Amino acid sequence: DVGAQLDIEFVGQDGVLSGEDVLPGFELALTK
């Protein structure tokens, strides 16, 4: 995060992983 602290977001089985700015356009539905 802005203060260089670890920011954690949980994405469950029905969610989607995003490549964000690292891999623009990459998305992976966790059901896959």
Full PDB file with SEQRES, HELIX, SHEET, SSBOND, CRYST1, ORIGX, SCALE, CONECT and MASTER records, all heavy atoms in Angstrom:
SEQRES   1 A   32  ASP VAL GLY ALA GLN LEU ASP ILE GLU PHE VAL GLY GLN          
SEQRES   2 A   32  ASP GLY VAL LEU SER GLY GLU ASP VAL LEU PRO GLY PHE          
SEQRES   3 A   32  GLU LEU ALA LEU THR LYS                                      
SHEET    1 AA1 2 VAL A  16  SER A  18  0                                        
SHEET    2 AA1 2 GLU A  27  ALA A  29 -1                                        
CRYST1    1.000    1.000    1.000  90.00  90.00  90.00 P 1           1          
ORIGX1      1.000000  0.000000  0.000000        0.00000                         
ORIGX2      0.000000  1.000000  0.000000        0.00000                         
ORIGX3      0.000000  0.000000  1.000000        0.00000                         
SCALE1      1.000000  0.000000  0.000000        0.00000                         
SCALE2      0.000000  1.000000  0.000000        0.00000                         
SCALE3      0.000000  0.000000  1.000000        0.00000                         
ATOM      1  N   ASP A   1       0.841  -1.192   0.000  1.00  0.00           N  
ATOM      2  CA  ASP A   1       0.000   0.000   0.000  1.00  0.00           C  
ATOM      3  C   ASP A   1       0.878   1.245   0.000  1.00  0.00           C  
ATOM      4  O   ASP A   1       2.108   1.153  -0.079  1.00  0.00           O  
ATOM      5  CB  ASP A   1      -1.011  -0.015   1.156  1.00  0.00           C  
ATOM      6  CG  ASP A   1      -0.355   0.093   2.532  1.00  0.00           C  
ATOM      7  OD1 ASP A   1       0.836   0.467   2.634  1.00  0.00           O  
ATOM      8  OD2 ASP A   1      -1.059  -0.185   3.524  1.00  0.00           O  
ATOM      9  N   VAL A   2       0.271   2.409   0.101  1.00  0.00           N  
ATOM     10  CA  VAL A   2       0.989   3.686   0.018  1.00  0.00           C  
ATOM     11  C   VAL A   2       2.079   3.784   1.081  1.00  0.00           C  
ATOM     12  O   VAL A   2       3.154   4.315   0.839  1.00  0.00           O  
ATOM     13  CB  VAL A   2      -0.006   4.867   0.142  1.00  0.00           C  
ATOM     14  CG1 VAL A   2       0.727   6.189   0.106  1.00  0.00           C  
ATOM     15  CG2 VAL A   2      -1.026   4.796  -0.981  1.00  0.00           C  
ATOM     16  N   GLY A   3       1.850   3.229   2.249  1.00  0.00           N  
ATOM     17  CA  GLY A   3       2.838   3.266   3.331  1.00  0.00           C  
ATOM     18  C   GLY A   3       3.811   2.108   3.300  1.00  0.00           C  
ATOM     19  O   GLY A   3       4.500   1.845   4.278  1.00  0.00           O  
ATOM     20  N   ALA A   4       3.891   1.379   2.179  1.00  0.00           N  
ATOM     21  CA  ALA A   4       4.773   0.228   2.001  1.00  0.00           C  
ATOM     22  C   ALA A   4       4.435  -0.906   2.964  1.00  0.00           C  
ATOM     23  O   ALA A   4       5.292  -1.700   3.332  1.00  0.00           O  
ATOM     24  CB  ALA A   4       6.241   0.625   2.106  1.00  0.00           C  
ATOM     25  N   GLN A   5       3.166  -0.988   3.352  1.00  0.00           N  
ATOM     26  CA  GLN A   5       2.679  -2.090   4.172  1.00  0.00           C  
ATOM     27  C   GLN A   5       2.007  -3.111   3.265  1.00  0.00           C  
ATOM     28  O   GLN A   5       1.463  -2.765   2.217  1.00  0.00           O  
ATOM     29  CB  GLN A   5       1.671  -1.585   5.217  1.00  0.00           C  
ATOM     30  CG  GLN A   5       2.257  -0.589   6.208  1.00  0.00           C  
ATOM     31  CD  GLN A   5       3.358  -1.202   7.054  1.00  0.00           C  
ATOM     32  OE1 GLN A   5       3.194  -2.275   7.609  1.00  0.00           O  
ATOM     33  NE2 GLN A   5       4.486  -0.525   7.123  1.00  0.00           N  
ATOM     34  N   LEU A   6       2.022  -4.377   3.698  1.00  0.00           N  
ATOM     35  CA  LEU A   6       1.404  -5.431   2.911  1.00  0.00           C  
ATOM     36  C   LEU A   6      -0.112  -5.267   2.903  1.00  0.00           C  
ATOM     37  O   LEU A   6      -0.750  -5.198   3.952  1.00  0.00           O  
ATOM     38  CB  LEU A   6       1.785  -6.794   3.494  1.00  0.00           C  
ATOM     39  CG  LEU A   6       1.435  -8.024   2.675  1.00  0.00           C  
ATOM     40  CD1 LEU A   6       2.140  -7.993   1.315  1.00  0.00           C  
ATOM     41  CD2 LEU A   6       1.819  -9.285   3.426  1.00  0.00           C  
ATOM     42  N   ASP A   7      -0.677  -5.149   1.716  1.00  0.00           N  
ATOM     43  CA  ASP A   7      -2.122  -5.042   1.524  1.00  0.00           C  
ATOM     44  C   ASP A   7      -2.578  -6.364   0.919  1.00  0.00           C  
ATOM     45  O   ASP A   7      -2.052  -6.790  -0.116  1.00  0.00           O  
ATOM     46  CB  ASP A   7      -2.437  -3.876   0.584  1.00  0.00           C  
ATOM     47  CG  ASP A   7      -3.921  -3.768   0.291  1.00  0.00           C  
ATOM     48  OD1 ASP A   7      -4.714  -3.765   1.238  1.00  0.00           O  
ATOM     49  OD2 ASP A   7      -4.274  -3.704  -0.913  1.00  0.00           O  
ATOM     50  N   ILE A   8      -3.533  -7.027   1.568  1.00  0.00           N  
ATOM     51  CA  ILE A   8      -3.969  -8.351   1.135  1.00  0.00           C  
ATOM     52  C   ILE A   8      -5.461  -8.334   0.829  1.00  0.00           C  
ATOM     53  O   ILE A   8      -6.260  -7.872   1.633  1.00  0.00           O  
ATOM     54  CB  ILE A   8      -3.688  -9.402   2.230  1.00  0.00           C  
ATOM     55  CG1 ILE A   8      -2.189  -9.440   2.549  1.00  0.00           C  
ATOM     56  CG2 ILE A   8      -4.192 -10.780   1.803  1.00  0.00           C  
ATOM     57  CD1 ILE A   8      -1.842 -10.225   3.779  1.00  0.00           C  
ATOM     58  N   GLU A   9      -5.796  -8.861  -0.344  1.00  0.00           N  
ATOM     59  CA  GLU A   9      -7.195  -8.993  -0.751  1.00  0.00           C  
ATOM     60  C   GLU A   9      -7.437 -10.465  -1.062  1.00  0.00           C  
ATOM     61  O   GLU A   9      -6.698 -11.070  -1.845  1.00  0.00           O  
ATOM     62  CB  GLU A   9      -7.451  -8.146  -2.000  1.00  0.00           C  
ATOM     63  CG  GLU A   9      -8.790  -8.363  -2.638  1.00  0.00           C  
ATOM     64  CD  GLU A   9      -8.895  -7.730  -4.021  1.00  0.00           C  
ATOM     65  OE1 GLU A   9      -7.946  -7.062  -4.466  1.00  0.00           O  
ATOM     66  OE2 GLU A   9      -9.932  -7.934  -4.658  1.00  0.00           O  
ATOM     67  N   PHE A  10      -8.460 -11.044  -0.460  1.00  0.00           N  
ATOM     68  CA  PHE A  10      -8.781 -12.446  -0.722  1.00  0.00           C  
ATOM     69  C   PHE A  10      -9.760 -12.536  -1.892  1.00  0.00           C  
ATOM     70  O   PHE A  10     -10.770 -11.841  -1.921  1.00  0.00           O  
ATOM     71  CB  PHE A  10      -9.396 -13.113   0.514  1.00  0.00           C  
ATOM     72  CG  PHE A  10      -9.734 -14.562   0.292  1.00  0.00           C  
ATOM     73  CD1 PHE A  10      -8.747 -15.526   0.313  1.00  0.00           C  
ATOM     74  CD2 PHE A  10     -11.041 -14.950   0.038  1.00  0.00           C  
ATOM     75  CE1 PHE A  10      -9.057 -16.872   0.087  1.00  0.00           C  
ATOM     76  CE2 PHE A  10     -11.363 -16.289  -0.186  1.00  0.00           C  
ATOM     77  CZ  PHE A  10     -10.361 -17.252  -0.158  1.00  0.00           C  
ATOM     78  N   VAL A  11      -9.431 -13.395  -2.856  1.00  0.00           N  
ATOM     79  CA  VAL A  11     -10.317 -13.660  -3.986  1.00  0.00           C  
ATOM     80  C   VAL A  11     -10.749 -15.126  -3.858  1.00  0.00           C  
ATOM     81  O   VAL A  11      -9.914 -16.033  -3.891  1.00  0.00           O  
ATOM     82  CB  VAL A  11      -9.615 -13.418  -5.339  1.00  0.00           C  
ATOM     83  CG1 VAL A  11     -10.542 -13.754  -6.500  1.00  0.00           C  
ATOM     84  CG2 VAL A  11      -9.112 -11.984  -5.437  1.00  0.00           C  
ATOM     85  N   GLY A  12     -12.055 -15.332  -3.688  1.00  0.00           N  
ATOM     86  CA  GLY A  12     -12.593 -16.672  -3.509  1.00  0.00           C  
ATOM     87  C   GLY A  12     -12.823 -17.394  -4.820  1.00  0.00           C  
ATOM     88  O   GLY A  12     -12.641 -16.834  -5.910  1.00  0.00           O  
ATOM     89  N   GLN A  13     -13.286 -18.637  -4.734  1.00  0.00           N  
ATOM     90  CA  GLN A  13     -13.444 -19.504  -5.888  1.00  0.00           C  
ATOM     91  C   GLN A  13     -14.339 -18.916  -6.969  1.00  0.00           C  
ATOM     92  O   GLN A  13     -14.141 -19.171  -8.150  1.00  0.00           O  
ATOM     93  CB  GLN A  13     -13.997 -20.859  -5.460  1.00  0.00           C  
ATOM     94  CG  GLN A  13     -14.135 -21.819  -6.628  1.00  0.00           C  
ATOM     95  CD  GLN A  13     -14.586 -23.200  -6.210  1.00  0.00           C  
ATOM     96  OE1 GLN A  13     -14.606 -23.530  -5.040  1.00  0.00           O  
ATOM     97  NE2 GLN A  13     -14.957 -24.004  -7.173  1.00  0.00           N  
ATOM     98  N   ASP A  14     -15.298 -18.086  -6.591  1.00  0.00           N  
ATOM     99  CA  ASP A  14     -16.180 -17.503  -7.602  1.00  0.00           C  
ATOM    100  C   ASP A  14     -15.642 -16.177  -8.142  1.00  0.00           C  
ATOM    101  O   ASP A  14     -16.277 -15.535  -8.972  1.00  0.00           O  
ATOM    102  CB  ASP A  14     -17.593 -17.301  -7.047  1.00  0.00           C  
ATOM    103  CG  ASP A  14     -17.609 -16.411  -5.816  1.00  0.00           C  
ATOM    104  OD1 ASP A  14     -16.526 -16.194  -5.220  1.00  0.00           O  
ATOM    105  OD2 ASP A  14     -18.692 -15.923  -5.441  1.00  0.00           O  
ATOM    106  N   GLY A  15     -14.444 -15.799  -7.722  1.00  0.00           N  
ATOM    107  CA  GLY A  15     -13.854 -14.529  -8.144  1.00  0.00           C  
ATOM    108  C   GLY A  15     -12.944 -14.666  -9.354  1.00  0.00           C  
ATOM    109  O   GLY A  15     -12.779 -15.746  -9.933  1.00  0.00           O  
ATOM    110  N   VAL A  16     -12.346 -13.541  -9.726  1.00  0.00           N  
ATOM    111  CA  VAL A  16     -11.475 -13.469 -10.897  1.00  0.00           C  
ATOM    112  C   VAL A  16     -10.163 -12.815 -10.494  1.00  0.00           C  
ATOM    113  O   VAL A  16     -10.159 -11.755  -9.866  1.00  0.00           O  
ATOM    114  CB  VAL A  16     -12.145 -12.641 -12.028  1.00  0.00           C  
ATOM    115  CG1 VAL A  16     -11.211 -12.469 -13.205  1.00  0.00           C  
ATOM    116  CG2 VAL A  16     -13.453 -13.291 -12.461  1.00  0.00           C  
ATOM    117  N   LEU A  17      -9.049 -13.455 -10.861  1.00  0.00           N  
ATOM    118  CA  LEU A  17      -7.730 -12.847 -10.672  1.00  0.00           C  
ATOM    119  C   LEU A  17      -7.463 -11.908 -11.839  1.00  0.00           C  
ATOM    120  O   LEU A  17      -7.723 -12.259 -12.990  1.00  0.00           O  
ATOM    121  CB  LEU A  17      -6.632 -13.906 -10.640  1.00  0.00           C  
ATOM    122  CG  LEU A  17      -6.410 -14.671  -9.366  1.00  0.00           C  
ATOM    123  CD1 LEU A  17      -5.290 -15.693  -9.557  1.00  0.00           C  
ATOM    124  CD2 LEU A  17      -6.101 -13.752  -8.208  1.00  0.00           C  
ATOM    125  N   SER A  18      -6.903 -10.753 -11.537  1.00  0.00           N  
ATOM    126  CA  SER A  18      -6.561  -9.785 -12.565  1.00  0.00           C  
ATOM    127  C   SER A  18      -5.050  -9.582 -12.592  1.00  0.00           C  
ATOM    128  O   SER A  18      -4.407  -9.539 -11.542  1.00  0.00           O  
ATOM    129  CB  SER A  18      -7.249  -8.445 -12.263  1.00  0.00           C  
ATOM    130  OG  SER A  18      -6.705  -7.422 -13.067  1.00  0.00           O  
ATOM    131  N   GLY A  19      -4.525  -9.429 -13.790  1.00  0.00           N  
ATOM    132  CA  GLY A  19      -3.106  -9.112 -13.935  1.00  0.00           C  
ATOM    133  C   GLY A  19      -2.793  -7.666 -13.616  1.00  0.00           C  
ATOM    134  O   GLY A  19      -1.631  -7.277 -13.591  1.00  0.00           O  
ATOM    135  N   GLU A  20      -3.841  -6.858 -13.394  1.00  0.00           N  
ATOM    136  CA  GLU A  20      -3.709  -5.441 -13.042  1.00  0.00           C  
ATOM    137  C   GLU A  20      -2.755  -4.746 -14.007  1.00  0.00           C  
ATOM    138  O   GLU A  20      -2.773  -5.017 -15.200  1.00  0.00           O  
ATOM    139  CB  GLU A  20      -3.295  -5.304 -11.571  1.00  0.00           C  
ATOM    140  CG  GLU A  20      -4.297  -5.961 -10.629  1.00  0.00           C  
ATOM    141  CD  GLU A  20      -3.943  -5.874  -9.168  1.00  0.00           C  
ATOM    142  OE1 GLU A  20      -3.006  -5.138  -8.798  1.00  0.00           O  
ATOM    143  OE2 GLU A  20      -4.624  -6.551  -8.373  1.00  0.00           O  
ATOM    144  N   ASP A  21      -1.900  -3.872 -13.513  1.00  0.00           N  
ATOM    145  CA  ASP A  21      -0.948  -3.157 -14.371  1.00  0.00           C  
ATOM    146  C   ASP A  21       0.239  -4.030 -14.769  1.00  0.00           C  
ATOM    147  O   ASP A  21       0.982  -3.691 -15.683  1.00  0.00           O  
ATOM    148  CB  ASP A  21      -0.412  -1.912 -13.660  1.00  0.00           C  
ATOM    149  CG  ASP A  21      -1.483  -0.866 -13.440  1.00  0.00           C  
ATOM    150  OD1 ASP A  21      -2.511  -0.903 -14.150  1.00  0.00           O  
ATOM    151  OD2 ASP A  21      -1.305  -0.010 -12.552  1.00  0.00           O  
ATOM    152  N   VAL A  22       0.418  -5.145 -14.068  1.00  0.00           N  
ATOM    153  CA  VAL A  22       1.556  -6.030 -14.322  1.00  0.00           C  
ATOM    154  C   VAL A  22       1.347  -6.819 -15.621  1.00  0.00           C  
ATOM    155  O   VAL A  22       2.249  -6.944 -16.437  1.00  0.00           O  
ATOM    156  CB  VAL A  22       1.759  -6.995 -13.124  1.00  0.00           C  
ATOM    157  CG1 VAL A  22       2.893  -7.962 -13.384  1.00  0.00           C  
ATOM    158  CG2 VAL A  22       2.012  -6.203 -11.847  1.00  0.00           C  
ATOM    159  N   LEU A  23       0.155  -7.370 -15.782  1.00  0.00           N  
ATOM    160  CA  LEU A  23      -0.221  -8.111 -16.984  1.00  0.00           C  
ATOM    161  C   LEU A  23      -1.549  -7.550 -17.483  1.00  0.00           C  
ATOM    162  O   LEU A  23      -2.609  -8.153 -17.284  1.00  0.00           O  
ATOM    163  CB  LEU A  23      -0.392  -9.602 -16.660  1.00  0.00           C  
ATOM    164  CG  LEU A  23       0.868 -10.423 -16.480  1.00  0.00           C  
ATOM    165  CD1 LEU A  23       0.546 -11.775 -15.872  1.00  0.00           C  
ATOM    166  CD2 LEU A  23       1.577 -10.598 -17.813  1.00  0.00           C  
ATOM    167  N   PRO A  24      -1.529  -6.382 -18.101  1.00  0.00           N  
ATOM    168  CA  PRO A  24      -2.780  -5.750 -18.526  1.00  0.00           C  
ATOM    169  C   PRO A  24      -3.616  -6.671 -19.416  1.00  0.00           C  
ATOM    170  O   PRO A  24      -3.109  -7.243 -20.379  1.00  0.00           O  
ATOM    171  CB  PRO A  24      -2.317  -4.516 -19.307  1.00  0.00           C  
ATOM    172  CG  PRO A  24      -0.908  -4.284 -18.886  1.00  0.00           C  
ATOM    173  CD  PRO A  24      -0.349  -5.622 -18.511  1.00  0.00           C  
ATOM    174  N   GLY A  25      -4.864  -6.841 -19.042  1.00  0.00           N  
ATOM    175  CA  GLY A  25      -5.781  -7.667 -19.808  1.00  0.00           C  
ATOM    176  C   GLY A  25      -5.864  -9.114 -19.346  1.00  0.00           C  
ATOM    177  O   GLY A  25      -6.758  -9.847 -19.756  1.00  0.00           O  
ATOM    178  N   PHE A  26      -4.946  -9.539 -18.500  1.00  0.00           N  
ATOM    179  CA  PHE A  26      -4.994 -10.923 -18.011  1.00  0.00           C  
ATOM    180  C   PHE A  26      -6.073 -11.055 -16.951  1.00  0.00           C  
ATOM    181  O   PHE A  26      -6.107 -10.296 -15.986  1.00  0.00           O  
ATOM    182  CB  PHE A  26      -3.651 -11.348 -17.415  1.00  0.00           C  
ATOM    183  CG  PHE A  26      -3.656 -12.760 -16.869  1.00  0.00           C  
ATOM    184  CD1 PHE A  26      -3.437 -13.830 -17.713  1.00  0.00           C  
ATOM    185  CD2 PHE A  26      -3.900 -13.009 -15.525  1.00  0.00           C  
ATOM    186  CE1 PHE A  26      -3.440 -15.136 -17.220  1.00  0.00           C  
ATOM    187  CE2 PHE A  26      -3.910 -14.294 -15.026  1.00  0.00           C  
ATOM    188  CZ  PHE A  26      -3.674 -15.368 -15.874  1.00  0.00           C  
ATOM    189  N   GLU A  27      -6.958 -12.017 -17.144  1.00  0.00           N  
ATOM    190  CA  GLU A  27      -7.977 -12.338 -16.155  1.00  0.00           C  
ATOM    191  C   GLU A  27      -8.114 -13.849 -16.094  1.00  0.00           C  
ATOM    192  O   GLU A  27      -8.070 -14.525 -17.124  1.00  0.00           O  
ATOM    193  CB  GLU A  27      -9.323 -11.705 -16.512  1.00  0.00           C  
ATOM    194  CG  GLU A  27      -9.337 -10.209 -16.345  1.00  0.00           C  
ATOM    195  CD  GLU A  27     -10.745  -9.617 -16.458  1.00  0.00           C  
ATOM    196  OE1 GLU A  27     -11.652 -10.331 -16.940  1.00  0.00           O  
ATOM    197  OE2 GLU A  27     -10.906  -8.462 -16.068  1.00  0.00           O  
ATOM    198  N   LEU A  28      -8.279 -14.359 -14.871  1.00  0.00           N  
ATOM    199  CA  LEU A  28      -8.438 -15.791 -14.679  1.00  0.00           C  
ATOM    200  C   LEU A  28      -9.542 -16.036 -13.673  1.00  0.00           C  
ATOM    201  O   LEU A  28      -9.400 -15.701 -12.487  1.00  0.00           O  
ATOM    202  CB  LEU A  28      -7.125 -16.424 -14.188  1.00  0.00           C  
ATOM    203  CG  LEU A  28      -7.177 -17.911 -13.835  1.00  0.00           C  
ATOM    204  CD1 LEU A  28      -7.595 -18.749 -15.039  1.00  0.00           C  
ATOM    205  CD2 LEU A  28      -5.828 -18.363 -13.288  1.00  0.00           C  
ATOM    206  N   ALA A  29     -10.639 -16.597 -14.144  1.00  0.00           N  
ATOM    207  CA  ALA A  29     -11.725 -16.993 -13.253  1.00  0.00           C  
ATOM    208  C   ALA A  29     -11.229 -18.170 -12.426  1.00  0.00           C  
ATOM    209  O   ALA A  29     -10.715 -19.150 -12.975  1.00  0.00           O  
ATOM    210  CB  ALA A  29     -12.956 -17.386 -14.058  1.00  0.00           C  
ATOM    211  N   LEU A  30     -11.355 -18.064 -11.125  1.00  0.00           N  
ATOM    212  CA  LEU A  30     -10.817 -19.116 -10.263  1.00  0.00           C  
ATOM    213  C   LEU A  30     -11.555 -20.442 -10.427  1.00  0.00           C  
ATOM    214  O   LEU A  30     -11.018 -21.484 -10.060  1.00  0.00           O  
ATOM    215  CB  LEU A  30     -10.800 -18.671  -8.807  1.00  0.00           C  
ATOM    216  CG  LEU A  30      -9.766 -17.581  -8.494  1.00  0.00           C  
ATOM    217  CD1 LEU A  30      -9.641 -17.361  -6.995  1.00  0.00           C  
ATOM    218  CD2 LEU A  30      -8.400 -17.887  -9.084  1.00  0.00           C  
ATOM    219  N   THR A  31     -12.745 -20.430 -10.999  1.00  0.00           N  
ATOM    220  CA  THR A  31     -13.414 -21.693 -11.293  1.00  0.00           C  
ATOM    221  C   THR A  31     -12.632 -22.498 -12.335  1.00  0.00           C  
ATOM    222  O   THR A  31     -12.773 -23.713 -12.409  1.00  0.00           O  
ATOM    223  CB  THR A  31     -14.852 -21.460 -11.802  1.00  0.00           C  
ATOM    224  OG1 THR A  31     -14.814 -20.568 -12.915  1.00  0.00           O  
ATOM    225  CG2 THR A  31     -15.739 -20.905 -10.699  1.00  0.00           C  
ATOM    226  N   LYS A  32     -11.776 -21.845 -13.116  1.00  0.00           N  
ATOM    227  CA  LYS A  32     -10.922 -22.549 -14.072  1.00  0.00           C  
ATOM    228  C   LYS A  32      -9.687 -23.135 -13.392  1.00  0.00           C  
ATOM    229  O   LYS A  32      -9.031 -24.011 -13.950  1.00  0.00           O  
ATOM    230  CB  LYS A  32     -10.467 -21.612 -15.193  1.00  0.00           C  
ATOM    231  CG  LYS A  32     -11.567 -21.191 -16.127  1.00  0.00           C  
ATOM    232  CD  LYS A  32     -11.003 -20.316 -17.220  1.00  0.00           C  
ATOM    233  CE  LYS A  32     -12.076 -19.928 -18.215  1.00  0.00           C  
ATOM    234  NZ  LYS A  32     -11.534 -19.066 -19.279  1.00  0.00           N  
TER     235      LYS A  32                                                      
MASTER        0    0    0    0    2    0    0    6  234    1    0    3          
END                                                                             
